[in-house]
C-alpha atoms as a PDB file:
ATOM      1  CA  MET A   1       9.324 112.335 -36.958  1.00  0.00           C
ATOM      2  CA  ALA A   2       6.623 110.147 -38.470  1.00  0.00           C
ATOM      3  CA  ALA A   3       8.210 107.020 -36.980  1.00  0.00           C
ATOM      4  CA  ALA A   4       8.267 108.576 -33.520  1.00  0.00           C
ATOM      5  CA  TYR A   5       4.610 109.564 -33.884  1.00  0.00           C
ATOM      6  CA  ILE A   6       3.650 106.012 -34.861  1.00  0.00           C
ATOM      7  CA  ARG A   7       5.525 104.600 -31.874  1.00  0.00           C
ATOM      8  CA  LEU A   8       3.674 106.960 -29.537  1.00  0.00           C
ATOM      9  CA  ARG A   9       0.311 105.987 -31.072  1.00  0.00           C
ATOM     10  CA  ARG A  10       1.120 102.295 -30.675  1.00  0.00           C
ATOM     11  CA  ARG A  11       2.196 102.837 -27.088  1.00  0.00           C
ATOM     12  CA  ALA A  12      -1.048 104.685 -26.307  1.00  0.00           C
ATOM     13  CA  TYR A  13      -3.066 101.918 -27.991  1.00  0.00           C
ATOM     14  CA  ASN A  14      -1.273  99.207 -26.034  1.00  0.00           C
ATOM     15  CA  ILE A  15      -1.853 101.055 -22.746  1.00  0.00           C
ATOM     16  CA  ARG A  16      -5.571 101.389 -23.522  1.00  0.00           C
ATOM     17  CA  ARG A  17      -5.722  97.767 -24.663  1.00  0.00           C
ATOM     18  CA  ASN A  18      -4.064  96.506 -21.480  1.00  0.00           C
ATOM     19  CA  ARG A  19      -6.455  98.531 -19.376  1.00  0.00           C
ATOM     20  CA  LEU A  20      -9.452  97.205 -21.274  1.00  0.00           C
ATOM     21  CA  ILE A  21      -8.246  93.629 -20.963  1.00  0.00           C
ATOM     22  CA  ARG A  22      -7.530  94.053 -17.290  1.00  0.00           C
ATOM     23  CA  ASP A  23     -11.026  95.455 -16.637  1.00  0.00           C
ATOM     24  CA  TYR A  24     -12.693  92.797 -18.781  1.00  0.00           C
ATOM     25  CA  ASP A  25     -10.759  90.094 -16.968  1.00  0.00           C
ATOM     26  CA  ASN A  26     -12.416  91.112 -13.696  1.00  0.00           C
ATOM     27  CA  PRO A  27     -15.734  89.198 -13.518  1.00  0.00           C
ATOM     28  CA  LEU A  28     -17.242  91.816 -11.192  1.00  0.00           C
ATOM     29  CA  ASP A  29     -17.123  94.233 -14.129  1.00  0.00           C
ATOM     30  CA  TYR A  30     -19.370  92.253 -16.456  1.00  0.00           C
ATOM     31  CA  LEU A  31     -21.240  89.438 -14.643  1.00  0.00           C
ATOM     32  CA  ASP A  32     -24.695  89.940 -13.153  1.00  0.00           C
ATOM     33  CA  ASP A  33     -25.496  88.981  -9.552  1.00  0.00           C
ATOM     34  CA  TYR A  34     -26.961  85.592 -10.503  1.00  0.00           C
ATOM     35  CA  ASP A  35     -23.861  84.481 -12.410  1.00  0.00           C
ATOM     36  CA  ILE A  36     -21.526  85.760  -9.704  1.00  0.00           C
ATOM     37  CA  VAL A  37     -23.235  83.610  -7.056  1.00  0.00           C
ATOM     38  CA  ARG A  38     -23.496  80.630  -9.420  1.00  0.00           C
ATOM     39  CA  LYS A  39     -19.802  80.644 -10.272  1.00  0.00           C
ATOM     40  CA  TYR A  40     -18.196  81.973  -7.105  1.00  0.00           C
ATOM     41  CA  ARG A  41     -20.669  80.922  -4.369  1.00  0.00           C
ATOM     42  CA  LEU A  42     -20.667  84.435  -2.860  1.00  0.00           C
ATOM     43  CA  SER A  43     -22.564  87.591  -3.768  1.00  0.00           C
ATOM     44  CA  GLY A  44     -20.869  90.649  -5.222  1.00  0.00           C
ATOM     45  CA  PRO A  45     -21.158  92.668  -1.975  1.00  0.00           C
ATOM     46  CA  LEU A  46     -19.570  89.834   0.032  1.00  0.00           C
ATOM     47  CA  ILE A  47     -16.714  89.604  -2.457  1.00  0.00           C
ATOM     48  CA  ILE A  48     -16.190  93.359  -2.155  1.00  0.00           C
ATOM     49  CA  ASP A  49     -16.101  92.958   1.647  1.00  0.00           C
ATOM     50  CA  LEU A  50     -13.310  90.382   1.241  1.00  0.00           C
ATOM     51  CA  CYS A  51     -11.451  92.776  -1.056  1.00  0.00           C
ATOM     52  CA  ARG A  52     -11.574  95.472   1.608  1.00  0.00           C
ATOM     53  CA  MET A  53     -10.562  93.035   4.328  1.00  0.00           C
ATOM     54  CA  PHE A  54      -7.538  91.650   2.471  1.00  0.00           C
ATOM     55  CA  GLY A  55      -6.674  94.588   0.230  1.00  0.00           C
ATOM     56  CA  ASN A  56      -3.404  95.466   1.946  1.00  0.00           C
ATOM     57  CA  ASP A  57      -2.295  91.827   2.102  1.00  0.00           C
ATOM     58  CA  LEU A  58      -2.982  91.049  -1.563  1.00  0.00           C
ATOM     59  CA  LYS A  59      -1.793  94.228  -3.266  1.00  0.00           C
ATOM     60  CA  ARG A  60       1.324  93.511  -5.274  1.00  0.00           C
ATOM     61  CA  PRO A  61       4.382  95.750  -4.779  1.00  0.00           C
ATOM     62  CA  THR A  62       4.774  96.236  -8.534  1.00  0.00           C
ATOM     63  CA  MET A  63       3.975  98.821 -11.177  1.00  0.00           C
ATOM     64  CA  ARG A  64       3.532  96.264 -13.961  1.00  0.00           C
ATOM     65  CA  SER A  65       0.397  96.768 -16.043  1.00  0.00           C
ATOM     66  CA  ARG A  66      -0.545  93.110 -15.645  1.00  0.00           C
ATOM     67  CA  ALA A  67      -0.492  92.998 -11.849  1.00  0.00           C
ATOM     68  CA  PHE A  68      -3.740  91.333 -10.808  1.00  0.00           C
ATOM     69  CA  PRO A  69      -6.204  93.528  -8.894  1.00  0.00           C
ATOM     70  CA  VAL A  70      -7.310  92.340  -5.477  1.00  0.00           C
ATOM     71  CA  SER A  71     -10.889  91.678  -6.618  1.00  0.00           C
ATOM     72  CA  LEU A  72      -9.672  89.395  -9.397  1.00  0.00           C
ATOM     73  CA  GLN A  73      -7.418  87.489  -6.995  1.00  0.00           C
ATOM     74  CA  ILE A  74     -10.331  86.907  -4.629  1.00  0.00           C
ATOM     75  CA  MET A  75     -12.543  85.643  -7.444  1.00  0.00           C
ATOM     76  CA  VAL A  76      -9.846  83.397  -8.895  1.00  0.00           C
ATOM     77  CA  ALA A  77      -9.484  81.716  -5.502  1.00  0.00           C
ATOM     78  CA  LEU A  78     -13.255  81.437  -5.005  1.00  0.00           C
ATOM     79  CA  ARG A  79     -13.670  79.860  -8.438  1.00  0.00           C
ATOM     80  CA  PHE A  80     -10.946  77.344  -7.683  1.00  0.00           C
ATOM     81  CA  TYR A  81     -12.546  76.525  -4.319  1.00  0.00           C
ATOM     82  CA  SER A  82     -15.901  75.912  -6.022  1.00  0.00           C
ATOM     83  CA  THR A  83     -14.547  73.737  -8.856  1.00  0.00           C
ATOM     84  CA  GLY A  84     -11.141  72.375  -7.838  1.00  0.00           C
ATOM     85  CA  SER A  85     -10.109  72.883 -11.460  1.00  0.00           C
ATOM     86  CA  PHE A  86      -7.331  75.084 -12.818  1.00  0.00           C
ATOM     87  CA  GLN A  87      -8.804  74.604 -16.293  1.00  0.00           C
ATOM     88  CA  LEU A  88     -12.207  76.028 -15.351  1.00  0.00           C
ATOM     89  CA  VAL A  89     -10.562  79.016 -13.685  1.00  0.00           C
ATOM     90  CA  ASN A  90      -8.545  79.647 -16.846  1.00  0.00           C
ATOM     91  CA  ALA A  91     -11.692  79.362 -18.946  1.00  0.00           C
ATOM     92  CA  ASP A  92     -13.476  81.979 -16.839  1.00  0.00           C
ATOM     93  CA  VAL A  93     -10.600  84.423 -16.378  1.00  0.00           C
ATOM     94  CA  HIS A  94      -8.690  85.409 -19.494  1.00  0.00           C
ATOM     95  CA  ASN A  95      -4.914  85.732 -19.778  1.00  0.00           C
ATOM     96  CA  ILE A  96      -4.005  84.118 -16.478  1.00  0.00           C
ATOM     97  CA  SER A  97      -1.634  81.178 -16.238  1.00  0.00           C
ATOM     98  CA  LYS A  98      -2.029  78.014 -14.189  1.00  0.00           C
ATOM     99  CA  SER A  99       0.947  79.032 -12.033  1.00  0.00           C
ATOM    100  CA  SER A 100      -0.702  82.400 -11.337  1.00  0.00           C
ATOM    101  CA  VAL A 101      -3.917  80.647 -10.307  1.00  0.00           C
ATOM    102  CA  SER A 102      -1.895  78.466  -7.938  1.00  0.00           C
ATOM    103  CA  ASN A 103      -0.043  81.415  -6.399  1.00  0.00           C
ATOM    104  CA  ILE A 104      -3.188  83.514  -6.055  1.00  0.00           C
ATOM    105  CA  THR A 105      -5.133  80.659  -4.444  1.00  0.00           C
ATOM    106  CA  ARG A 106      -2.306  80.098  -1.967  1.00  0.00           C
ATOM    107  CA  ASP A 107      -2.175  83.778  -0.993  1.00  0.00           C
ATOM    108  CA  VAL A 108      -5.941  84.176  -0.614  1.00  0.00           C
ATOM    109  CA  THR A 109      -6.140  80.955   1.395  1.00  0.00           C
ATOM    110  CA  GLN A 110      -3.496  82.245   3.803  1.00  0.00           C
ATOM    111  CA  CYS A 111      -5.545  85.424   4.279  1.00  0.00           C
ATOM    112  CA  LEU A 112      -8.695  83.421   5.020  1.00  0.00           C
ATOM    113  CA  VAL A 113      -6.923  81.117   7.455  1.00  0.00           C
ATOM    114  CA  GLY A 114      -5.576  84.161   9.281  1.00  0.00           C
ATOM    115  CA  VAL A 115      -9.074  85.426  10.127  1.00  0.00           C
ATOM    116  CA  CYS A 116     -10.894  82.080  10.336  1.00  0.00           C
ATOM    117  CA  GLN A 117     -11.056  81.922  14.123  1.00  0.00           C
ATOM    118  CA  GLN A 118     -12.689  85.346  14.274  1.00  0.00           C
ATOM    119  CA  TYR A 119     -15.720  84.096  12.351  1.00  0.00           C
ATOM    120  CA  VAL A 120     -15.831  80.287  12.618  1.00  0.00           C
ATOM    121  CA  VAL A 121     -16.339  79.729  16.334  1.00  0.00           C
ATOM    122  CA  ILE A 122     -18.787  77.948  18.630  1.00  0.00           C
ATOM    123  CA  PRO A 123     -20.180  80.672  20.909  1.00  0.00           C
ATOM    124  CA  THR A 124     -19.728  80.481  24.662  1.00  0.00           C
ATOM    125  CA  ASP A 125     -21.628  83.652  25.510  1.00  0.00           C
ATOM    126  CA  PRO A 126     -25.018  82.684  27.050  1.00  0.00           C
ATOM    127  CA  VAL A 127     -26.935  85.179  24.909  1.00  0.00           C
ATOM    128  CA  GLU A 128     -25.357  83.916  21.684  1.00  0.00           C
ATOM    129  CA  LEU A 129     -25.912  80.296  22.713  1.00  0.00           C
ATOM    130  CA  GLN A 130     -29.565  80.994  23.424  1.00  0.00           C
ATOM    131  CA  SER A 131     -29.906  82.508  19.962  1.00  0.00           C
ATOM    132  CA  VAL A 132     -28.443  79.349  18.382  1.00  0.00           C
ATOM    133  CA  MET A 133     -30.773  77.128  20.438  1.00  0.00           C
ATOM    134  CA  GLN A 134     -33.754  79.233  19.457  1.00  0.00           C
ATOM    135  CA  GLY A 135     -32.809  78.821  15.809  1.00  0.00           C
ATOM    136  CA  PHE A 136     -32.918  75.027  16.039  1.00  0.00           C
ATOM    137  CA  TYR A 137     -36.149  75.160  18.027  1.00  0.00           C
ATOM    138  CA  ASN A 138     -37.739  77.320  15.333  1.00  0.00           C
ATOM    139  CA  VAL A 139     -36.756  74.779  12.678  1.00  0.00           C
ATOM    140  CA  ALA A 140     -37.784  71.518  14.380  1.00  0.00           C
ATOM    141  CA  ASN A 141     -39.167  72.249  17.864  1.00  0.00           C
ATOM    142  CA  PHE A 142     -36.038  70.586  19.249  1.00  0.00           C
ATOM    143  CA  PRO A 143     -34.868  72.292  22.481  1.00  0.00           C
ATOM    144  CA  ASN A 144     -31.332  72.970  23.731  1.00  0.00           C
ATOM    145  CA  VAL A 145     -29.507  72.184  20.465  1.00  0.00           C
ATOM    146  CA  VAL A 146     -26.318  74.206  20.021  1.00  0.00           C
ATOM    147  CA  GLY A 147     -25.112  72.657  16.774  1.00  0.00           C
ATOM    148  CA  ALA A 148     -25.246  69.857  14.217  1.00  0.00           C
ATOM    149  CA  ILE A 149     -22.054  67.906  13.525  1.00  0.00           C
ATOM    150  CA  ASP A 150     -20.932  65.595  10.731  1.00  0.00           C
ATOM    151  CA  GLY A 151     -17.956  64.752   8.578  1.00  0.00           C
ATOM    152  CA  THR A 152     -17.540  64.996   4.816  1.00  0.00           C
ATOM    153  CA  HIS A 153     -14.823  63.554   2.606  1.00  0.00           C
ATOM    154  CA  ILE A 154     -12.933  65.975   0.361  1.00  0.00           C
ATOM    155  CA  ARG A 155     -11.315  64.075  -2.492  1.00  0.00           C
ATOM    156  CA  ILE A 156      -7.554  64.589  -2.936  1.00  0.00           C
ATOM    157  CA  ARG A 157      -4.772  63.120  -5.029  1.00  0.00           C
ATOM    158  CA  ALA A 158      -2.946  60.176  -3.523  1.00  0.00           C
ATOM    159  CA  PRO A 159      -0.207  61.585  -1.248  1.00  0.00           C
ATOM    160  CA  SER A 160       3.346  60.329  -1.647  1.00  0.00           C
ATOM    161  CA  VAL A 161       3.693  59.808   2.119  1.00  0.00           C
ATOM    162  CA  ASP A 162       1.381  57.560   4.190  1.00  0.00           C
ATOM    163  CA  GLU A 163      -0.886  57.124   1.195  1.00  0.00           C
ATOM    164  CA  HIS A 164      -2.890  54.309   2.768  1.00  0.00           C
ATOM    165  CA  ILE A 165      -4.264  56.371   5.667  1.00  0.00           C
ATOM    166  CA  TYR A 166      -5.997  58.701   3.200  1.00  0.00           C
ATOM    167  CA  VAL A 167      -8.095  55.921   1.636  1.00  0.00           C
ATOM    168  CA  ASN A 168     -11.627  56.186   3.048  1.00  0.00           C
ATOM    169  CA  ARG A 169     -14.295  53.509   3.326  1.00  0.00           C
ATOM    170  CA  LYS A 170     -15.473  54.297  -0.205  1.00  0.00           C
ATOM    171  CA  HIS A 171     -11.977  53.472  -1.468  1.00  0.00           C
ATOM    172  CA  TYR A 172     -10.782  56.855  -2.666  1.00  0.00           C
ATOM    173  CA  HIS A 173      -8.230  59.280  -1.200  1.00  0.00           C
ATOM    174  CA  SER A 174      -9.651  62.086   0.890  1.00  0.00           C
ATOM    175  CA  VAL A 175      -9.404  64.366   3.890  1.00  0.00           C
ATOM    176  CA  ASN A 176     -12.197  63.780   6.406  1.00  0.00           C
ATOM    177  CA  VAL A 177     -13.438  67.275   7.259  1.00  0.00           C
ATOM    178  CA  GLN A 178     -15.574  67.702  10.366  1.00  0.00           C
ATOM    179  CA  GLY A 179     -18.005  70.593  10.561  1.00  0.00           C
ATOM    180  CA  VAL A 180     -20.360  71.967  13.203  1.00  0.00           C
ATOM    181  CA  CYS A 181     -23.171  74.197  11.917  1.00  0.00           C
ATOM    182  CA  ASP A 182     -26.000  76.223  13.380  1.00  0.00           C
ATOM    183  CA  SER A 183     -29.622  76.104  12.203  1.00  0.00           C
ATOM    184  CA  ASP A 184     -28.826  78.484   9.337  1.00  0.00           C
ATOM    185  CA  MET A 185     -26.103  76.090   8.102  1.00  0.00           C
ATOM    186  CA  LYS A 186     -23.410  78.549   9.151  1.00  0.00           C
ATOM    187  CA  PHE A 187     -20.155  76.857  10.128  1.00  0.00           C
ATOM    188  CA  MET A 188     -19.187  77.349  13.767  1.00  0.00           C
ATOM    189  CA  ASN A 189     -16.282  74.890  13.788  1.00  0.00           C
ATOM    190  CA  ILE A 190     -14.184  73.091  11.172  1.00  0.00           C
ATOM    191  CA  VAL A 191     -11.485  70.448  11.581  1.00  0.00           C
ATOM    192  CA  ALA A 192      -9.803  69.823   8.230  1.00  0.00           C
ATOM    193  CA  LYS A 193      -6.592  67.979   9.066  1.00  0.00           C
ATOM    194  CA  ARG A 194      -7.513  64.296   9.410  1.00  0.00           C
ATOM    195  CA  PRO A 195      -6.873  61.724   6.638  1.00  0.00           C
ATOM    196  CA  GLY A 196      -9.787  59.926   5.014  1.00  0.00           C
ATOM    197  CA  ALA A 197      -9.396  56.676   6.958  1.00  0.00           C
ATOM    198  CA  THR A 198     -10.000  58.498  10.261  1.00  0.00           C
ATOM    199  CA  HIS A 199     -13.382  57.808  11.880  1.00  0.00           C
ATOM    200  CA  ASP A 200     -15.724  60.710  12.592  1.00  0.00           C
ATOM    201  CA  ALA A 201     -15.889  59.876  16.299  1.00  0.00           C
ATOM    202  CA  PHE A 202     -12.089  59.943  16.606  1.00  0.00           C
ATOM    203  CA  ILE A 203     -11.903  63.392  15.020  1.00  0.00           C
ATOM    204  CA  TRP A 204     -14.473  64.756  17.455  1.00  0.00           C
ATOM    205  CA  ALA A 205     -12.929  63.096  20.517  1.00  0.00           C
ATOM    206  CA  ASN A 206      -9.560  64.665  19.709  1.00  0.00           C
ATOM    207  CA  SER A 207     -10.824  68.155  18.920  1.00  0.00           C
ATOM    208  CA  ASN A 208     -10.689  71.137  21.249  1.00  0.00           C
ATOM    209  CA  ASN A 209     -14.445  71.563  21.167  1.00  0.00           C
ATOM    210  CA  SER A 210     -15.031  68.045  22.477  1.00  0.00           C
ATOM    211  CA  GLU A 211     -13.351  69.072  25.713  1.00  0.00           C
ATOM    212  CA  MET A 212     -15.500  72.210  25.847  1.00  0.00           C
ATOM    213  CA  PHE A 213     -18.640  70.089  25.749  1.00  0.00           C
ATOM    214  CA  GLU A 214     -17.307  67.586  28.275  1.00  0.00           C
ATOM    215  CA  ASN A 215     -16.500  70.423  30.687  1.00  0.00           C
ATOM    216  CA  ARG A 216     -19.821  72.151  30.025  1.00  0.00           C
ATOM    217  CA  THR A 217     -17.970  75.289  28.958  1.00  0.00           C
ATOM    218  CA  ILE A 218     -20.833  76.031  26.604  1.00  0.00           C
ATOM    219  CA  GLY A 219     -23.612  75.116  28.983  1.00  0.00           C
ATOM    220  CA  HIS A 220     -25.967  72.150  28.804  1.00  0.00           C
ATOM    221  CA  GLY A 221     -26.742  72.178  25.100  1.00  0.00           C
ATOM    222  CA  TRP A 222     -26.727  69.217  22.743  1.00  0.00           C
ATOM    223  CA  LEU A 223     -24.940  68.489  19.488  1.00  0.00           C
ATOM    224  CA  LEU A 224     -27.030  66.635  16.914  1.00  0.00           C
ATOM    225  CA  CYS A 225     -25.176  63.892  15.020  1.00  0.00           C
ATOM    226  CA  ASP A 226     -25.648  60.570  13.236  1.00  0.00           C
ATOM    227  CA  ASN A 227     -24.735  57.116  14.532  1.00  0.00           C
ATOM    228  CA  GLY A 228     -21.089  57.652  13.656  1.00  0.00           C
ATOM    229  CA  TYR A 229     -20.725  59.414  17.003  1.00  0.00           C
ATOM    230  CA  PRO A 230     -21.187  57.949  20.508  1.00  0.00           C
ATOM    231  CA  LEU A 231     -24.079  59.081  22.670  1.00  0.00           C
ATOM    232  CA  ARG A 232     -22.824  61.151  25.605  1.00  0.00           C
END
């Protein structure tokens, strides 16, 4: 009788302990707003919005006590995006393995890619375009600007296939990512598939949005760029 009682007490303690650990592992439960933005690059309310958006996709079909809540999965992925380091993610989030970080980051990334084109888009509606132009005019008194474009090199490990085409002009392996932003530095277009040796002008010339500008689909606005792009 006593042994059975002890087993029940231990079971109750372990259940409480797992719950406490699981709650403590969720940074939203104990970090203030400043630290959340500093570590994860998004505010708490925005992270909660992502949790609502992807809740059904990220919920695990399991009853295990250590299944990761959606909010923790989102924050694990955001921390990895901001650092590129499995070790730093593990340091911030207790009791989570490197393989779990990898799987979570993959799943969250797939969710983000699935909705990307709903939010990252160069507007074609005249009213929206006028709003973008007005934003640039308010910043620098520059009329008819519908975006600012440039490329940035994201460092990667040397690929096993076609390694040489990923070596950029600064002699490290990268993906050359092209971005178009509005006056508030909000991305309106991203091309993230070209190896580091690819020139900025080539990426633009072979993107869908280049054709939109050539055909005046978005009106008579200008894209601001550096001398890595031809004047057209």
